[in-house]
Structure formats: structure tokens, C-alpha cells
């Protein structure tokens, strides 16, 4: 998959996480569904050990209240395609 397509999907997933944070009261309940889904999506977008670790971090970030503002997917894209020497 093209790295810019992965970036677009990553930004979309971060926006979905923000939406659940933006709706007080209801957002916490949507995190119960979004947290495992975001972890799974992260492992599918980013392969290997870094993807698995990022999936766990994404799950934890989404399930804990107040941490939804962290753009986990976009940060993983930056790590993978900007800072990492090998492009996955």
C-alpha cells in the first residue's frame, strides 16, 4: 500500500478517536468499541513487531479516558516513514 494512503487512513483513524473525545458522556462508551478496533487497525497498517507494539499502545491510549488527543496513528506513520531507516 502507498505510504500516503496509509497516512490518510492514519489521519482518519485519529479523527475518529478525537470524535469520541469531543462528545462528553457518550464518548467514553464509544471508546469501548473503538479501542480494540483501533489496535487491530494499527497492526494491519503497520506490520511486524513495531505494528504490534503500536497496536497495544493505541488500544491503551483509546481505552483510558483523556488520552484520545494523542494522534497515535499519525505518530506511528512518522516513526515508520520519517525516522525509521527501513520503510515497512
PDB file of N, CA and C in Angstrom:
ATOM      1  N   UNK A   1       0.851  -1.174   0.000  1.00  0.00           N
ATOM      2  CA  UNK A   1       0.000   0.000   0.000  1.00  0.00           C
ATOM      3  C   UNK A   1       0.903   1.246   0.000  1.00  0.00           C
ATOM      4  N   UNK A   2       0.496   2.247  -0.705  1.00  0.00           N
ATOM      5  CA  UNK A   2       1.212   3.519  -0.810  1.00  0.00           C
ATOM      6  C   UNK A   2       1.310   4.183   0.568  1.00  0.00           C
ATOM      7  N   UNK A   3       2.487   4.746   0.883  1.00  0.00           N
ATOM      8  CA  UNK A   3       2.671   5.332   2.212  1.00  0.00           C
ATOM      9  C   UNK A   3       1.759   6.540   2.448  1.00  0.00           C
ATOM     10  N   UNK A   4       1.377   7.240   1.392  1.00  0.00           N
ATOM     11  CA  UNK A   4       0.476   8.383   1.570  1.00  0.00           C
ATOM     12  C   UNK A   4      -0.966   7.929   1.770  1.00  0.00           C
ATOM     13  N   UNK A   5      -1.316   6.787   1.242  1.00  0.00           N
ATOM     14  CA  UNK A   5      -2.637   6.214   1.505  1.00  0.00           C
ATOM     15  C   UNK A   5      -2.710   5.763   2.966  1.00  0.00           C
ATOM     16  N   UNK A   6      -1.605   5.195   3.461  1.00  0.00           N
ATOM     17  CA  UNK A   6      -1.541   4.810   4.867  1.00  0.00           C
ATOM     18  C   UNK A   6      -1.632   6.051   5.753  1.00  0.00           C
ATOM     19  N   UNK A   7      -0.994   7.149   5.333  1.00  0.00           N
ATOM     20  CA  UNK A   7      -1.084   8.408   6.093  1.00  0.00           C
ATOM     21  C   UNK A   7      -2.531   8.896   6.152  1.00  0.00           C
ATOM     22  N   UNK A   8      -3.244   8.854   5.037  1.00  0.00           N
ATOM     23  CA  UNK A   8      -4.643   9.292   5.005  1.00  0.00           C
ATOM     24  C   UNK A   8      -5.504   8.437   5.931  1.00  0.00           C
ATOM     25  N   UNK A   9      -5.293   7.126   5.907  1.00  0.00           N
ATOM     26  CA  UNK A   9      -6.046   6.226   6.788  1.00  0.00           C
ATOM     27  C   UNK A   9      -5.688   6.516   8.244  1.00  0.00           C
ATOM     28  N   UNK A  10      -4.414   6.775   8.502  1.00  0.00           N
ATOM     29  CA  UNK A  10      -3.965   7.078   9.860  1.00  0.00           C
ATOM     30  C   UNK A  10      -4.615   8.348  10.389  1.00  0.00           C
ATOM     31  N   UNK A  11      -4.658   9.382   9.569  1.00  0.00           N
ATOM     32  CA  UNK A  11      -5.285  10.635   9.991  1.00  0.00           C
ATOM     33  C   UNK A  11      -6.777  10.430  10.239  1.00  0.00           C
ATOM     34  N   UNK A  12      -7.424   9.663   9.378  1.00  0.00           N
ATOM     35  CA  UNK A  12      -8.841   9.358   9.554  1.00  0.00           C
ATOM     36  C   UNK A  12      -9.081   8.625  10.879  1.00  0.00           C
ATOM     37  N   UNK A  13      -8.228   7.658  11.187  1.00  0.00           N
ATOM     38  CA  UNK A  13      -8.382   6.919  12.446  1.00  0.00           C
ATOM     39  C   UNK A  13      -8.163   7.831  13.650  1.00  0.00           C
ATOM     40  N   UNK A  14      -7.201   8.750  13.557  1.00  0.00           N
ATOM     41  CA  UNK A  14      -7.003   9.713  14.648  1.00  0.00           C
ATOM     42  C   UNK A  14      -8.215  10.621  14.807  1.00  0.00           C
ATOM     43  N   UNK A  15      -8.820  11.031  13.701  1.00  0.00           N
ATOM     44  CA  UNK A  15     -10.018  11.876  13.758  1.00  0.00           C
ATOM     45  C   UNK A  15     -11.170  11.120  14.420  1.00  0.00           C
ATOM     46  N   UNK A  16     -11.316   9.848  14.109  1.00  0.00           N
ATOM     47  CA  UNK A  16     -12.361   9.034  14.750  1.00  0.00           C
ATOM     48  C   UNK A  16     -12.135   8.998  16.261  1.00  0.00           C
ATOM     49  N   UNK A  17     -10.872   8.860  16.665  1.00  0.00           N
ATOM     50  CA  UNK A  17     -10.557   8.887  18.096  1.00  0.00           C
ATOM     51  C   UNK A  17     -10.887  10.222  18.736  1.00  0.00           C
ATOM     52  N   UNK A  18     -10.644  11.320  18.010  1.00  0.00           N
ATOM     53  CA  UNK A  18     -10.968  12.660  18.520  1.00  0.00           C
ATOM     54  C   UNK A  18     -12.472  12.851  18.671  1.00  0.00           C
ATOM     55  N   UNK A  19     -13.248  12.322  17.745  1.00  0.00           N
ATOM     56  CA  UNK A  19     -14.704  12.492  17.789  1.00  0.00           C
ATOM     57  C   UNK A  19     -15.255  11.883  19.074  1.00  0.00           C
ATOM     58  N   UNK A  20     -14.748  10.723  19.448  1.00  0.00           N
ATOM     59  CA  UNK A  20     -15.237  10.108  20.687  1.00  0.00           C
ATOM     60  C   UNK A  20     -14.848  10.949  21.896  1.00  0.00           C
ATOM     61  N   UNK A  21     -13.741  11.669  21.814  1.00  0.00           N
ATOM     62  CA  UNK A  21     -13.299  12.545  22.907  1.00  0.00           C
ATOM     63  C   UNK A  21     -14.144  13.817  22.961  1.00  0.00           C
ATOM     64  N   UNK A  22     -14.641  14.247  21.817  1.00  0.00           N
ATOM     65  CA  UNK A  22     -15.362  15.516  21.718  1.00  0.00           C
ATOM     66  C   UNK A  22     -16.791  15.439  22.254  1.00  0.00           C
ATOM     67  N   UNK A  23     -17.343  14.254  22.375  1.00  0.00           N
ATOM     68  CA  UNK A  23     -18.722  14.108  22.831  1.00  0.00           C
ATOM     69  C   UNK A  23     -18.709  13.679  24.302  1.00  0.00           C
ATOM     70  N   UNK A  24     -18.856  14.618  25.222  1.00  0.00           N
ATOM     71  CA  UNK A  24     -18.806  14.270  26.650  1.00  0.00           C
ATOM     72  C   UNK A  24     -19.905  13.281  27.034  1.00  0.00           C
ATOM     73  N   UNK A  25     -19.538  12.318  27.842  1.00  0.00           N
ATOM     74  CA  UNK A  25     -20.506  11.330  28.306  1.00  0.00           C
ATOM     75  C   UNK A  25     -20.670  10.166  27.364  1.00  0.00           C
ATOM     76  N   UNK A  26     -20.935  10.447  26.118  1.00  0.00           N
ATOM     77  CA  UNK A  26     -21.143   9.383  25.126  1.00  0.00           C
ATOM     78  C   UNK A  26     -19.801   8.848  24.621  1.00  0.00           C
ATOM     79  N   UNK A  27     -18.817   9.723  24.551  1.00  0.00           N
ATOM     80  CA  UNK A  27     -17.519   9.355  24.016  1.00  0.00           C
ATOM     81  C   UNK A  27     -16.852   8.206  24.741  1.00  0.00           C
ATOM     82  N   UNK A  28     -17.002   8.160  26.058  1.00  0.00           N
ATOM     83  CA  UNK A  28     -16.381   7.091  26.830  1.00  0.00           C
ATOM     84  C   UNK A  28     -16.951   5.728  26.455  1.00  0.00           C
ATOM     85  N   UNK A  29     -18.225   5.681  26.125  1.00  0.00           N
ATOM     86  CA  UNK A  29     -18.837   4.411  25.741  1.00  0.00           C
ATOM     87  C   UNK A  29     -18.418   3.979  24.345  1.00  0.00           C
ATOM     88  N   UNK A  30     -18.205   4.936  23.455  1.00  0.00           N
ATOM     89  CA  UNK A  30     -17.741   4.566  22.112  1.00  0.00           C
ATOM     90  C   UNK A  30     -16.305   4.068  22.148  1.00  0.00           C
ATOM     91  N   UNK A  31     -15.547   4.482  23.145  1.00  0.00           N
ATOM     92  CA  UNK A  31     -14.167   4.004  23.271  1.00  0.00           C
ATOM     93  C   UNK A  31     -14.105   2.507  23.548  1.00  0.00           C
ATOM     94  N   UNK A  32     -15.133   1.969  24.161  1.00  0.00           N
ATOM     95  CA  UNK A  32     -15.167   0.527  24.418  1.00  0.00           C
ATOM     96  C   UNK A  32     -15.151  -0.247  23.107  1.00  0.00           C
ATOM     97  N   UNK A  33     -15.775   0.291  22.093  1.00  0.00           N
ATOM     98  CA  UNK A  33     -15.782  -0.344  20.771  1.00  0.00           C
ATOM     99  C   UNK A  33     -14.559   0.081  19.972  1.00  0.00           C
ATOM    100  N   UNK A  34     -14.202   1.362  20.023  1.00  0.00           N
ATOM    101  CA  UNK A  34     -13.120   1.888  19.195  1.00  0.00           C
ATOM    102  C   UNK A  34     -11.734   1.414  19.640  1.00  0.00           C
ATOM    103  N   UNK A  35     -11.510   1.232  20.927  1.00  0.00           N
ATOM    104  CA  UNK A  35     -10.172   0.875  21.421  1.00  0.00           C
ATOM    105  C   UNK A  35      -9.654  -0.439  20.824  1.00  0.00           C
ATOM    106  N   UNK A  36     -10.393  -1.543  20.906  1.00  0.00           N
ATOM    107  CA  UNK A  36      -9.868  -2.773  20.292  1.00  0.00           C
ATOM    108  C   UNK A  36      -9.796  -2.677  18.769  1.00  0.00           C
ATOM    109  N   UNK A  37     -10.736  -1.957  18.172  1.00  0.00           N
ATOM    110  CA  UNK A  37     -10.728  -1.796  16.727  1.00  0.00           C
ATOM    111  C   UNK A  37      -9.509  -0.994  16.276  1.00  0.00           C
ATOM    112  N   UNK A  38      -9.173   0.048  17.003  1.00  0.00           N
ATOM    113  CA  UNK A  38      -8.006   0.852  16.636  1.00  0.00           C
ATOM    114  C   UNK A  38      -6.721   0.046  16.787  1.00  0.00           C
ATOM    115  N   UNK A  39      -6.634  -0.772  17.811  1.00  0.00           N
ATOM    116  CA  UNK A  39      -5.464  -1.633  17.971  1.00  0.00           C
ATOM    117  C   UNK A  39      -5.318  -2.605  16.823  1.00  0.00           C
ATOM    118  N   UNK A  40      -6.431  -3.181  16.395  1.00  0.00           N
ATOM    119  CA  UNK A  40      -6.413  -4.129  15.280  1.00  0.00           C
ATOM    120  C   UNK A  40      -6.023  -3.424  13.978  1.00  0.00           C
ATOM    121  N   UNK A  41      -6.601  -2.258  13.727  1.00  0.00           N
ATOM    122  CA  UNK A  41      -6.270  -1.500  12.515  1.00  0.00           C
ATOM    123  C   UNK A  41      -4.789  -1.136  12.503  1.00  0.00           C
ATOM    124  N   UNK A  42      -4.262  -0.753  13.648  1.00  0.00           N
ATOM    125  CA  UNK A  42      -2.843  -0.390  13.736  1.00  0.00           C
ATOM    126  C   UNK A  42      -1.957  -1.575  13.338  1.00  0.00           C
ATOM    127  N   UNK A  43      -2.296  -2.775  13.807  1.00  0.00           N
ATOM    128  CA  UNK A  43      -1.477  -3.942  13.457  1.00  0.00           C
ATOM    129  C   UNK A  43      -1.595  -4.303  11.983  1.00  0.00           C
ATOM    130  N   UNK A  44      -2.696  -3.945  11.352  1.00  0.00           N
ATOM    131  CA  UNK A  44      -2.855  -4.224   9.917  1.00  0.00           C
ATOM    132  C   UNK A  44      -2.145  -3.174   9.058  1.00  0.00           C
ATOM    133  N   UNK A  45      -2.123  -1.924   9.509  1.00  0.00           N
ATOM    134  CA  UNK A  45      -1.446  -0.872   8.739  1.00  0.00           C
ATOM    135  C   UNK A  45       0.071  -0.974   8.845  1.00  0.00           C
ATOM    136  N   UNK A  46       0.557  -1.318  10.034  1.00  0.00           N
ATOM    137  CA  UNK A  46       1.999  -1.350  10.283  1.00  0.00           C
ATOM    138  C   UNK A  46       2.378  -2.761  10.720  1.00  0.00           C
ATOM    139  N   UNK A  47       3.084  -3.464   9.859  1.00  0.00           N
ATOM    140  CA  UNK A  47       3.404  -4.878  10.072  1.00  0.00           C
ATOM    141  C   UNK A  47       4.571  -5.056  11.041  1.00  0.00           C
ATOM    142  N   UNK A  48       4.728  -6.276  11.488  1.00  0.00           N
ATOM    143  CA  UNK A  48       5.866  -6.644  12.306  1.00  0.00           C
ATOM    144  C   UNK A  48       5.730  -6.250  13.768  1.00  0.00           C
ATOM    145  N   UNK A  49       6.851  -6.353  14.462  1.00  0.00           N
ATOM    146  CA  UNK A  49       6.885  -6.049  15.887  1.00  0.00           C
ATOM    147  C   UNK A  49       6.504  -4.600  16.195  1.00  0.00           C
ATOM    148  N   UNK A  50       6.991  -3.611  15.416  1.00  0.00           N
ATOM    149  CA  UNK A  50       6.568  -2.227  15.704  1.00  0.00           C
ATOM    150  C   UNK A  50       5.054  -2.036  15.586  1.00  0.00           C
ATOM    151  N   UNK A  51       4.425  -2.707  14.624  1.00  0.00           N
ATOM    152  CA  UNK A  51       2.973  -2.610  14.468  1.00  0.00           C
ATOM    153  C   UNK A  51       2.219  -3.214  15.637  1.00  0.00           C
ATOM    154  N   UNK A  52       2.740  -4.340  16.149  1.00  0.00           N
ATOM    155  CA  UNK A  52       2.098  -4.971  17.307  1.00  0.00           C
ATOM    156  C   UNK A  52       2.218  -4.099  18.552  1.00  0.00           C
ATOM    157  N   UNK A  53       3.400  -3.532  18.753  1.00  0.00           N
ATOM    158  CA  UNK A  53       3.599  -2.646  19.903  1.00  0.00           C
ATOM    159  C   UNK A  53       2.712  -1.410  19.776  1.00  0.00           C
ATOM    160  N   UNK A  54       2.650  -0.841  18.576  1.00  0.00           N
ATOM    161  CA  UNK A  54       1.802   0.330  18.343  1.00  0.00           C
ATOM    162  C   UNK A  54       0.330  -0.015  18.534  1.00  0.00           C
ATOM    163  N   UNK A  55      -0.068  -1.229  18.168  1.00  0.00           N
ATOM    164  CA  UNK A  55      -1.448  -1.663  18.379  1.00  0.00           C
ATOM    165  C   UNK A  55      -1.813  -1.699  19.851  1.00  0.00           C
ATOM    166  N   UNK A  56      -0.886  -2.188  20.672  1.00  0.00           N
ATOM    167  CA  UNK A  56      -1.116  -2.219  22.122  1.00  0.00           C
ATOM    168  C   UNK A  56      -1.195  -0.799  22.671  1.00  0.00           C
ATOM    169  N   UNK A  57      -0.273   0.054  22.233  1.00  0.00           N
ATOM    170  CA  UNK A  57      -0.274   1.445  22.688  1.00  0.00           C
ATOM    171  C   UNK A  57      -1.561   2.149  22.260  1.00  0.00           C
ATOM    172  N   UNK A  58      -1.995   1.895  21.029  1.00  0.00           N
ATOM    173  CA  UNK A  58      -3.224   2.502  20.525  1.00  0.00           C
ATOM    174  C   UNK A  58      -4.432   2.062  21.352  1.00  0.00           C
ATOM    175  N   UNK A  59      -4.488   0.776  21.668  1.00  0.00           N
ATOM    176  CA  UNK A  59      -5.582   0.263  22.494  1.00  0.00           C
ATOM    177  C   UNK A  59      -5.599   0.954  23.852  1.00  0.00           C
ATOM    178  N   UNK A  60      -4.442   1.020  24.502  1.00  0.00           N
ATOM    179  CA  UNK A  60      -4.351   1.636  25.831  1.00  0.00           C
ATOM    180  C   UNK A  60      -4.716   3.115  25.764  1.00  0.00           C
ATOM    181  N   UNK A  61      -4.205   3.805  24.736  1.00  0.00           N
ATOM    182  CA  UNK A  61      -4.478   5.237  24.579  1.00  0.00           C
ATOM    183  C   UNK A  61      -5.971   5.506  24.384  1.00  0.00           C
ATOM    184  N   UNK A  62      -6.643   4.648  23.660  1.00  0.00           N
ATOM    185  CA  UNK A  62      -8.074   4.852  23.399  1.00  0.00           C
ATOM    186  C   UNK A  62      -8.947   4.419  24.573  1.00  0.00           C
ATOM    187  N   UNK A  63      -8.540   3.417  25.316  1.00  0.00           N
ATOM    188  CA  UNK A  63      -9.390   2.908  26.386  1.00  0.00           C
ATOM    189  C   UNK A  63      -9.301   3.766  27.647  1.00  0.00           C
ATOM    190  N   UNK A  64      -8.155   4.447  27.856  1.00  0.00           N
ATOM    191  CA  UNK A  64      -8.017   5.301  29.034  1.00  0.00           C
ATOM    192  C   UNK A  64      -8.648   6.668  28.764  1.00  0.00           C
ATOM    193  N   UNK A  65      -9.423   7.172  29.705  1.00  0.00           N
ATOM    194  CA  UNK A  65     -10.080   8.464  29.499  1.00  0.00           C
ATOM    195  C   UNK A  65      -9.072   9.615  29.456  1.00  0.00           C
ATOM    196  N   UNK A  66      -9.311  10.556  28.552  1.00  0.00           N
ATOM    197  CA  UNK A  66      -8.499  11.759  28.464  1.00  0.00           C
ATOM    198  C   UNK A  66      -7.278  11.676  27.563  1.00  0.00           C
ATOM    199  N   UNK A  67      -6.941  10.501  27.089  1.00  0.00           N
ATOM    200  CA  UNK A  67      -5.753  10.357  26.248  1.00  0.00           C
ATOM    201  C   UNK A  67      -6.081  10.336  24.752  1.00  0.00           C
ATOM    202  N   UNK A  68      -7.332  10.525  24.400  1.00  0.00           N
ATOM    203  CA  UNK A  68      -7.750  10.464  22.995  1.00  0.00           C
ATOM    204  C   UNK A  68      -7.129  11.553  22.132  1.00  0.00           C
ATOM    205  N   UNK A  69      -6.567  12.571  22.744  1.00  0.00           N
ATOM    206  CA  UNK A  69      -5.992  13.676  21.975  1.00  0.00           C
ATOM    207  C   UNK A  69      -4.642  13.317  21.354  1.00  0.00           C
ATOM    208  N   UNK A  70      -4.052  12.204  21.748  1.00  0.00           N
ATOM    209  CA  UNK A  70      -2.757  11.799  21.195  1.00  0.00           C
ATOM    210  C   UNK A  70      -2.983  11.177  19.816  1.00  0.00           C
ATOM    211  N   UNK A  71      -2.346  11.706  18.767  1.00  0.00           N
ATOM    212  CA  UNK A  71      -2.532  11.162  17.411  1.00  0.00           C
ATOM    213  C   UNK A  71      -1.646   9.932  17.172  1.00  0.00           C
ATOM    214  N   UNK A  72      -2.007   8.821  17.780  1.00  0.00           N
ATOM    215  CA  UNK A  72      -1.187   7.612  17.763  1.00  0.00           C
ATOM    216  C   UNK A  72      -0.902   7.111  16.356  1.00  0.00           C
ATOM    217  N   UNK A  73      -1.904   7.077  15.500  1.00  0.00           N
ATOM    218  CA  UNK A  73      -1.718   6.567  14.141  1.00  0.00           C
ATOM    219  C   UNK A  73      -0.754   7.448  13.353  1.00  0.00           C
ATOM    220  N   UNK A  74      -0.919   8.748  13.446  1.00  0.00           N
ATOM    221  CA  UNK A  74      -0.049   9.673  12.721  1.00  0.00           C
ATOM    222  C   UNK A  74       1.377   9.614  13.261  1.00  0.00           C
ATOM    223  N   UNK A  75       1.528   9.503  14.573  1.00  0.00           N
ATOM    224  CA  UNK A  75       2.859   9.373  15.154  1.00  0.00           C
ATOM    225  C   UNK A  75       3.546   8.089  14.684  1.00  0.00           C
ATOM    226  N   UNK A  76       2.785   7.015  14.551  1.00  0.00           N
ATOM    227  CA  UNK A  76       3.354   5.762  14.052  1.00  0.00           C
ATOM    228  C   UNK A  76       3.766   5.907  12.595  1.00  0.00           C
ATOM    229  N   UNK A  77       2.994   6.628  11.804  1.00  0.00           N
ATOM    230  CA  UNK A  77       3.365   6.859  10.406  1.00  0.00           C
ATOM    231  C   UNK A  77       4.674   7.647  10.339  1.00  0.00           C
ATOM    232  N   UNK A  78       4.783   8.671  11.166  1.00  0.00           N
ATOM    233  CA  UNK A  78       6.012   9.473  11.186  1.00  0.00           C
ATOM    234  C   UNK A  78       7.198   8.603  11.599  1.00  0.00           C
ATOM    235  N   UNK A  79       7.002   7.776  12.611  1.00  0.00           N
ATOM    236  CA  UNK A  79       8.075   6.878  13.054  1.00  0.00           C
ATOM    237  C   UNK A  79       8.479   5.936  11.918  1.00  0.00           C
ATOM    238  N   UNK A  80       7.497   5.359  11.242  1.00  0.00           N
ATOM    239  CA  UNK A  80       7.766   4.359  10.209  1.00  0.00           C
ATOM    240  C   UNK A  80       8.404   4.961   8.966  1.00  0.00           C
ATOM    241  N   UNK A  81       7.878   6.077   8.479  1.00  0.00           N
ATOM    242  CA  UNK A  81       8.310   6.601   7.185  1.00  0.00           C
ATOM    243  C   UNK A  81       9.257   7.795   7.246  1.00  0.00           C
ATOM    244  N   UNK A  82       9.453   8.393   8.411  1.00  0.00           N
ATOM    245  CA  UNK A  82      10.362   9.528   8.522  1.00  0.00           C
ATOM    246  C   UNK A  82      11.604   9.157   9.325  1.00  0.00           C
ATOM    247  N   UNK A  83      11.412   8.581  10.507  1.00  0.00           N
ATOM    248  CA  UNK A  83      12.546   8.318  11.397  1.00  0.00           C
ATOM    249  C   UNK A  83      13.162   6.936  11.225  1.00  0.00           C
ATOM    250  N   UNK A  84      12.393   5.952  10.811  1.00  0.00           N
ATOM    251  CA  UNK A  84      12.923   4.602  10.654  1.00  0.00           C
ATOM    252  C   UNK A  84      13.720   4.492   9.365  1.00  0.00           C
ATOM    253  N   UNK A  85      14.828   3.771   9.420  1.00  0.00           N
ATOM    254  CA  UNK A  85      15.685   3.633   8.240  1.00  0.00           C
ATOM    255  C   UNK A  85      15.070   2.749   7.178  1.00  0.00           C
ATOM    256  N   UNK A  86      14.310   1.731   7.591  1.00  0.00           N
ATOM    257  CA  UNK A  86      13.675   0.842   6.607  1.00  0.00           C
ATOM    258  C   UNK A  86      12.193   1.132   6.550  1.00  0.00           C
ATOM    259  N   UNK A  87      11.667   1.290   5.351  1.00  0.00           N
ATOM    260  CA  UNK A  87      10.241   1.561   5.181  1.00  0.00           C
ATOM    261  C   UNK A  87       9.493   0.242   5.170  1.00  0.00           C
ATOM    262  N   UNK A  88       8.512   0.101   6.053  1.00  0.00           N
ATOM    263  CA  UNK A  88       7.749  -1.142   6.142  1.00  0.00           C
ATOM    264  C   UNK A  88       6.703  -1.175   5.054  1.00  0.00           C
TER     265      UNK A  88
END
